[in-house]
PDB file of all heavy atoms in Angstrom:
ATOM      1  N   VAL A   1       0.841  -1.202   0.000  1.00  0.00           N
ATOM      2  CA  VAL A   1       0.000   0.000   0.000  1.00  0.00           C
ATOM      3  C   VAL A   1       0.874   1.249   0.000  1.00  0.00           C
ATOM      4  O   VAL A   1       0.607   2.224  -0.720  1.00  0.00           O
ATOM      5  CB  VAL A   1      -0.961  -0.005   1.211  1.00  0.00           C
ATOM      6  CG1 VAL A   1      -1.772   1.276   1.249  1.00  0.00           C
ATOM      7  CG2 VAL A   1      -1.895  -1.210   1.150  1.00  0.00           C
ATOM      8  N   THR A   2       1.950   1.226   0.796  1.00  0.00           N
ATOM      9  CA  THR A   2       2.867   2.381   0.844  1.00  0.00           C
ATOM     10  C   THR A   2       3.502   2.611  -0.521  1.00  0.00           C
ATOM     11  O   THR A   2       3.610   3.758  -0.996  1.00  0.00           O
ATOM     12  CB  THR A   2       3.948   2.147   1.902  1.00  0.00           C
ATOM     13  OG1 THR A   2       3.324   1.888   3.158  1.00  0.00           O
ATOM     14  CG2 THR A   2       4.850   3.369   2.036  1.00  0.00           C
ATOM     15  N   ALA A   3       3.924   1.542  -1.192  1.00  0.00           N
ATOM     16  CA  ALA A   3       4.547   1.665  -2.507  1.00  0.00           C
ATOM     17  C   ALA A   3       3.567   2.225  -3.530  1.00  0.00           C
ATOM     18  O   ALA A   3       3.950   3.039  -4.392  1.00  0.00           O
ATOM     19  CB  ALA A   3       5.057   0.294  -2.963  1.00  0.00           C
ATOM     20  N   ALA A   4       2.296   1.833  -3.428  1.00  0.00           N
ATOM     21  CA  ALA A   4       1.288   2.342  -4.362  1.00  0.00           C
ATOM     22  C   ALA A   4       1.071   3.839  -4.172  1.00  0.00           C
ATOM     23  O   ALA A   4       0.931   4.595  -5.141  1.00  0.00           O
ATOM     24  CB  ALA A   4      -0.021   1.584  -4.170  1.00  0.00           C
ATOM     25  N   VAL A   5       1.045   4.289  -2.920  1.00  0.00           N
ATOM     26  CA  VAL A   5       0.864   5.726  -2.642  1.00  0.00           C
ATOM     27  C   VAL A   5       2.075   6.511  -3.141  1.00  0.00           C
ATOM     28  O   VAL A   5       1.937   7.574  -3.765  1.00  0.00           O
ATOM     29  CB  VAL A   5       0.639   5.950  -1.129  1.00  0.00           C
ATOM     30  CG1 VAL A   5       0.601   7.446  -0.827  1.00  0.00           C
ATOM     31  CG2 VAL A   5      -0.663   5.289  -0.685  1.00  0.00           C
ATOM     32  N   ASP A   6       3.274   5.987  -2.896  1.00  0.00           N
ATOM     33  CA  ASP A   6       4.490   6.683  -3.345  1.00  0.00           C
ATOM     34  C   ASP A   6       4.579   6.731  -4.870  1.00  0.00           C
ATOM     35  O   ASP A   6       5.131   7.683  -5.433  1.00  0.00           O
ATOM     36  CB  ASP A   6       5.730   5.986  -2.779  1.00  0.00           C
ATOM     37  CG  ASP A   6       5.814   6.110  -1.257  1.00  0.00           C
ATOM     38  OD1 ASP A   6       5.158   7.018  -0.711  1.00  0.00           O
ATOM     39  OD2 ASP A   6       6.502   5.278  -0.629  1.00  0.00           O
ATOM     40  N   GLU A   7       4.037   5.714  -5.525  1.00  0.00           N
ATOM     41  CA  GLU A   7       4.097   5.656  -6.991  1.00  0.00           C
ATOM     42  C   GLU A   7       3.327   6.804  -7.623  1.00  0.00           C
ATOM     43  O   GLU A   7       3.644   7.249  -8.730  1.00  0.00           O
ATOM     44  CB  GLU A   7       3.539   4.309  -7.463  1.00  0.00           C
ATOM     45  CG  GLU A   7       3.639   4.075  -8.960  1.00  0.00           C
ATOM     46  CD  GLU A   7       3.051   2.730  -9.353  1.00  0.00           C
ATOM     47  OE1 GLU A   7       2.931   1.847  -8.468  1.00  0.00           O
ATOM     48  OE2 GLU A   7       2.703   2.553 -10.536  1.00  0.00           O
ATOM     49  N   LEU A   8       2.293   7.302  -6.947  1.00  0.00           N
ATOM     50  CA  LEU A   8       1.481   8.388  -7.502  1.00  0.00           C
ATOM     51  C   LEU A   8       2.193   9.739  -7.412  1.00  0.00           C
ATOM     52  O   LEU A   8       1.719  10.724  -8.002  1.00  0.00           O
ATOM     53  CB  LEU A   8       0.132   8.464  -6.769  1.00  0.00           C
ATOM     54  CG  LEU A   8      -0.823   7.293  -7.071  1.00  0.00           C
ATOM     55  CD1 LEU A   8      -1.998   7.299  -6.110  1.00  0.00           C
ATOM     56  CD2 LEU A   8      -1.320   7.362  -8.505  1.00  0.00           C
ATOM     57  N   THR A   9       3.250   9.812  -6.688  1.00  0.00           N
ATOM     58  CA  THR A   9       4.057  11.047  -6.567  1.00  0.00           C
ATOM     59  C   THR A   9       3.210  12.279  -6.298  1.00  0.00           C
ATOM     60  O   THR A   9       3.348  13.315  -6.942  1.00  0.00           O
ATOM     61  CB  THR A   9       4.896  11.261  -7.847  1.00  0.00           C
ATOM     62  OG1 THR A   9       3.994  11.427  -8.963  1.00  0.00           O
ATOM     63  CG2 THR A   9       5.835  10.100  -8.090  1.00  0.00           C
ATOM     64  N   GLY A  10       2.235  12.103  -5.399  1.00  0.00           N
ATOM     65  CA  GLY A  10       1.467  13.260  -4.951  1.00  0.00           C
ATOM     66  C   GLY A  10       0.359  13.713  -5.855  1.00  0.00           C
ATOM     67  O   GLY A  10      -0.281  14.729  -5.588  1.00  0.00           O
ATOM     68  N   SER A  11       0.043  12.979  -6.918  1.00  0.00           N
ATOM     69  CA  SER A  11      -1.055  13.389  -7.796  1.00  0.00           C
ATOM     70  C   SER A  11      -1.625  12.160  -8.484  1.00  0.00           C
ATOM     71  O   SER A  11      -0.879  11.376  -9.075  1.00  0.00           O
ATOM     72  CB  SER A  11      -0.572  14.394  -8.845  1.00  0.00           C
ATOM     73  OG  SER A  11      -1.638  14.717  -9.727  1.00  0.00           O
ATOM     74  N   GLY A  12      -2.944  11.989  -8.422  1.00  0.00           N
ATOM     75  CA  GLY A  12      -3.589  10.855  -9.076  1.00  0.00           C
ATOM     76  C   GLY A  12      -4.616  10.209  -8.171  1.00  0.00           C
ATOM     77  O   GLY A  12      -5.064  10.810  -7.185  1.00  0.00           O
ATOM     78  N   VAL A  13      -4.986   8.968  -8.530  1.00  0.00           N
ATOM     79  CA  VAL A  13      -6.050   8.254  -7.809  1.00  0.00           C
ATOM     80  C   VAL A  13      -5.536   6.887  -7.385  1.00  0.00           C
ATOM     81  O   VAL A  13      -4.953   6.147  -8.193  1.00  0.00           O
ATOM     82  CB  VAL A  13      -7.305   8.082  -8.701  1.00  0.00           C
ATOM     83  CG1 VAL A  13      -8.384   7.305  -7.947  1.00  0.00           C
ATOM     84  CG2 VAL A  13      -7.833   9.429  -9.148  1.00  0.00           C
ATOM     85  N   LEU A  14      -5.737   6.562  -6.118  1.00  0.00           N
ATOM     86  CA  LEU A  14      -5.460   5.219  -5.601  1.00  0.00           C
ATOM     87  C   LEU A  14      -6.802   4.495  -5.467  1.00  0.00           C
ATOM     88  O   LEU A  14      -7.677   4.960  -4.733  1.00  0.00           O
ATOM     89  CB  LEU A  14      -4.759   5.299  -4.242  1.00  0.00           C
ATOM     90  CG  LEU A  14      -4.567   3.956  -3.514  1.00  0.00           C
ATOM     91  CD1 LEU A  14      -3.625   3.049  -4.292  1.00  0.00           C
ATOM     92  CD2 LEU A  14      -4.060   4.166  -2.092  1.00  0.00           C
ATOM     93  N   MET A  15      -6.973   3.397  -6.206  1.00  0.00           N
ATOM     94  CA  MET A  15      -8.236   2.651  -6.135  1.00  0.00           C
ATOM     95  C   MET A  15      -7.971   1.271  -5.550  1.00  0.00           C
ATOM     96  O   MET A  15      -7.091   0.543  -6.025  1.00  0.00           O
ATOM     97  CB  MET A  15      -8.885   2.514  -7.517  1.00  0.00           C
ATOM     98  CG  MET A  15     -10.218   1.787  -7.457  1.00  0.00           C
ATOM     99  SD  MET A  15     -11.254   2.029  -8.911  1.00  0.00           S
ATOM    100  CE  MET A  15     -10.374   1.046 -10.110  1.00  0.00           C
ATOM    101  N   ILE A  16      -8.735   0.917  -4.513  1.00  0.00           N
ATOM    102  CA  ILE A  16      -8.627  -0.393  -3.867  1.00  0.00           C
ATOM    103  C   ILE A  16      -9.944  -1.125  -4.097  1.00  0.00           C
ATOM    104  O   ILE A  16     -10.994  -0.699  -3.612  1.00  0.00           O
ATOM    105  CB  ILE A  16      -8.347  -0.261  -2.357  1.00  0.00           C
ATOM    106  CG1 ILE A  16      -7.105   0.594  -2.110  1.00  0.00           C
ATOM    107  CG2 ILE A  16      -8.181  -1.629  -1.729  1.00  0.00           C
ATOM    108  CD1 ILE A  16      -6.824   0.850  -0.639  1.00  0.00           C
ATOM    109  N   THR A  17      -9.895  -2.203  -4.871  1.00  0.00           N
ATOM    110  CA  THR A  17     -11.113  -2.978  -5.132  1.00  0.00           C
ATOM    111  C   THR A  17     -11.288  -4.043  -4.056  1.00  0.00           C
ATOM    112  O   THR A  17     -10.314  -4.578  -3.533  1.00  0.00           O
ATOM    113  CB  THR A  17     -11.037  -3.649  -6.516  1.00  0.00           C
ATOM    114  OG1 THR A  17      -9.894  -4.504  -6.556  1.00  0.00           O
ATOM    115  CG2 THR A  17     -10.924  -2.602  -7.626  1.00  0.00           C
ATOM    116  N   ASP A  18     -12.545  -4.342  -3.738  1.00  0.00           N
ATOM    117  CA  ASP A  18     -12.880  -5.336  -2.701  1.00  0.00           C
ATOM    118  C   ASP A  18     -12.077  -5.066  -1.431  1.00  0.00           C
ATOM    119  O   ASP A  18     -11.349  -5.921  -0.912  1.00  0.00           O
ATOM    120  CB  ASP A  18     -12.616  -6.760  -3.193  1.00  0.00           C
ATOM    121  CG  ASP A  18     -13.496  -7.123  -4.370  1.00  0.00           C
ATOM    122  OD1 ASP A  18     -14.681  -6.755  -4.356  1.00  0.00           O
ATOM    123  OD2 ASP A  18     -13.001  -7.774  -5.314  1.00  0.00           O
ATOM    124  N   VAL A  19     -12.235  -3.858  -0.910  1.00  0.00           N
ATOM    125  CA  VAL A  19     -11.433  -3.418   0.228  1.00  0.00           C
ATOM    126  C   VAL A  19     -11.749  -4.219   1.486  1.00  0.00           C
ATOM    127  O   VAL A  19     -10.935  -4.249   2.422  1.00  0.00           O
ATOM    128  CB  VAL A  19     -11.657  -1.907   0.456  1.00  0.00           C
ATOM    129  CG1 VAL A  19     -13.067  -1.641   1.000  1.00  0.00           C
ATOM    130  CG2 VAL A  19     -10.599  -1.320   1.370  1.00  0.00           C
ATOM    131  N   ASP A  20     -12.897  -4.918   1.535  1.00  0.00           N
ATOM    132  CA  ASP A  20     -13.235  -5.707   2.724  1.00  0.00           C
ATOM    133  C   ASP A  20     -12.237  -6.840   2.945  1.00  0.00           C
ATOM    134  O   ASP A  20     -12.068  -7.315   4.068  1.00  0.00           O
ATOM    135  CB  ASP A  20     -14.654  -6.269   2.602  1.00  0.00           C
ATOM    136  CG  ASP A  20     -14.877  -7.015   1.293  1.00  0.00           C
ATOM    137  OD1 ASP A  20     -15.034  -6.349   0.255  1.00  0.00           O
ATOM    138  OD2 ASP A  20     -14.877  -8.248   1.308  1.00  0.00           O
ATOM    139  N   ALA A  21     -11.568  -7.316   1.862  1.00  0.00           N
ATOM    140  CA  ALA A  21     -10.571  -8.370   2.021  1.00  0.00           C
ATOM    141  C   ALA A  21      -9.269  -7.828   2.600  1.00  0.00           C
ATOM    142  O   ALA A  21      -8.533  -8.545   3.282  1.00  0.00           O
ATOM    143  CB  ALA A  21     -10.296  -9.041   0.672  1.00  0.00           C
ATOM    144  N   LEU A  22      -8.982  -6.563   2.345  1.00  0.00           N
ATOM    145  CA  LEU A  22      -7.770  -5.935   2.881  1.00  0.00           C
ATOM    146  C   LEU A  22      -7.999  -5.388   4.278  1.00  0.00           C
ATOM    147  O   LEU A  22      -7.111  -5.476   5.144  1.00  0.00           O
ATOM    148  CB  LEU A  22      -7.315  -4.809   1.941  1.00  0.00           C
ATOM    149  CG  LEU A  22      -6.124  -3.964   2.385  1.00  0.00           C
ATOM    150  CD1 LEU A  22      -4.882  -4.837   2.535  1.00  0.00           C
ATOM    151  CD2 LEU A  22      -5.871  -2.829   1.409  1.00  0.00           C
ATOM    152  N   LEU A  23      -9.186  -4.824   4.516  1.00  0.00           N
ATOM    153  CA  LEU A  23      -9.522  -4.240   5.820  1.00  0.00           C
ATOM    154  C   LEU A  23     -10.803  -4.884   6.339  1.00  0.00           C
ATOM    155  O   LEU A  23     -11.895  -4.316   6.235  1.00  0.00           O
ATOM    156  CB  LEU A  23      -9.697  -2.723   5.686  1.00  0.00           C
ATOM    157  CG  LEU A  23      -8.460  -1.933   5.245  1.00  0.00           C
ATOM    158  CD1 LEU A  23      -8.839  -0.502   4.895  1.00  0.00           C
ATOM    159  CD2 LEU A  23      -7.404  -1.960   6.340  1.00  0.00           C
ATOM    160  N   PRO A  24     -10.725  -6.103   6.873  1.00  0.00           N
ATOM    161  CA  PRO A  24     -11.937  -6.790   7.347  1.00  0.00           C
ATOM    162  C   PRO A  24     -12.522  -6.132   8.587  1.00  0.00           C
ATOM    163  O   PRO A  24     -11.855  -5.356   9.276  1.00  0.00           O
ATOM    164  CB  PRO A  24     -11.444  -8.210   7.646  1.00  0.00           C
ATOM    165  CG  PRO A  24      -9.991  -8.044   7.945  1.00  0.00           C
ATOM    166  CD  PRO A  24      -9.516  -6.898   7.089  1.00  0.00           C
ATOM    167  N   SER A  25     -13.771  -6.448   8.866  1.00  0.00           N
ATOM    168  CA  SER A  25     -14.464  -5.823  10.004  1.00  0.00           C
ATOM    169  C   SER A  25     -13.857  -6.256  11.340  1.00  0.00           C
ATOM    170  O   SER A  25     -13.949  -5.527  12.324  1.00  0.00           O
ATOM    171  CB  SER A  25     -15.954  -6.166   9.966  1.00  0.00           C
ATOM    172  OG  SER A  25     -16.139  -7.571   9.936  1.00  0.00           O
ATOM    173  N   ASP A  26     -13.287  -7.467  11.402  1.00  0.00           N
ATOM    174  CA  ASP A  26     -12.576  -7.876  12.619  1.00  0.00           C
ATOM    175  C   ASP A  26     -11.194  -7.232  12.590  1.00  0.00           C
ATOM    176  O   ASP A  26     -10.339  -7.624  11.779  1.00  0.00           O
ATOM    177  CB  ASP A  26     -12.438  -9.404  12.676  1.00  0.00           C
ATOM    178  CG  ASP A  26     -13.790 -10.085  12.824  1.00  0.00           C
ATOM    179  OD1 ASP A  26     -14.689  -9.464  13.400  1.00  0.00           O
ATOM    180  OD2 ASP A  26     -13.932 -11.218  12.322  1.00  0.00           O
ATOM    181  N   PRO A  27     -10.938  -6.241  13.426  1.00  0.00           N
ATOM    182  CA  PRO A  27      -9.679  -5.479  13.327  1.00  0.00           C
ATOM    183  C   PRO A  27      -8.448  -6.364  13.471  1.00  0.00           C
ATOM    184  O   PRO A  27      -8.401  -7.276  14.301  1.00  0.00           O
ATOM    185  CB  PRO A  27      -9.784  -4.484  14.490  1.00  0.00           C
ATOM    186  CG  PRO A  27     -11.236  -4.423  14.825  1.00  0.00           C
ATOM    187  CD  PRO A  27     -11.790  -5.766  14.511  1.00  0.00           C
ATOM    188  N   GLU A  28      -7.453  -6.114  12.623  1.00  0.00           N
ATOM    189  CA  GLU A  28      -6.162  -6.782  12.696  1.00  0.00           C
ATOM    190  C   GLU A  28      -5.089  -5.719  12.969  1.00  0.00           C
ATOM    191  O   GLU A  28      -5.265  -4.560  12.593  1.00  0.00           O
ATOM    192  CB  GLU A  28      -5.854  -7.502  11.381  1.00  0.00           C
ATOM    193  CG  GLU A  28      -6.866  -8.578  11.028  1.00  0.00           C
ATOM    194  CD  GLU A  28      -6.551  -9.242   9.698  1.00  0.00           C
ATOM    195  OE1 GLU A  28      -5.555  -8.841   9.061  1.00  0.00           O
ATOM    196  OE2 GLU A  28      -7.296 -10.148   9.304  1.00  0.00           O
ATOM    197  N   PRO A  29      -3.988  -6.092  13.596  1.00  0.00           N
ATOM    198  CA  PRO A  29      -2.934  -5.087  13.857  1.00  0.00           C
ATOM    199  C   PRO A  29      -2.448  -4.409  12.580  1.00  0.00           C
ATOM    200  O   PRO A  29      -2.202  -3.196  12.565  1.00  0.00           O
ATOM    201  CB  PRO A  29      -1.822  -5.927  14.508  1.00  0.00           C
ATOM    202  CG  PRO A  29      -2.536  -7.081  15.131  1.00  0.00           C
ATOM    203  CD  PRO A  29      -3.689  -7.388  14.236  1.00  0.00           C
TER     204      PRO A  29
END
């Protein structure tokens, strides 16, 4: 995720599809 944000170099759109698989409702560290 950090690499994807840095790749945009401060301009553009970050799109995460099916975000529930990356950030589930049961919190993880």
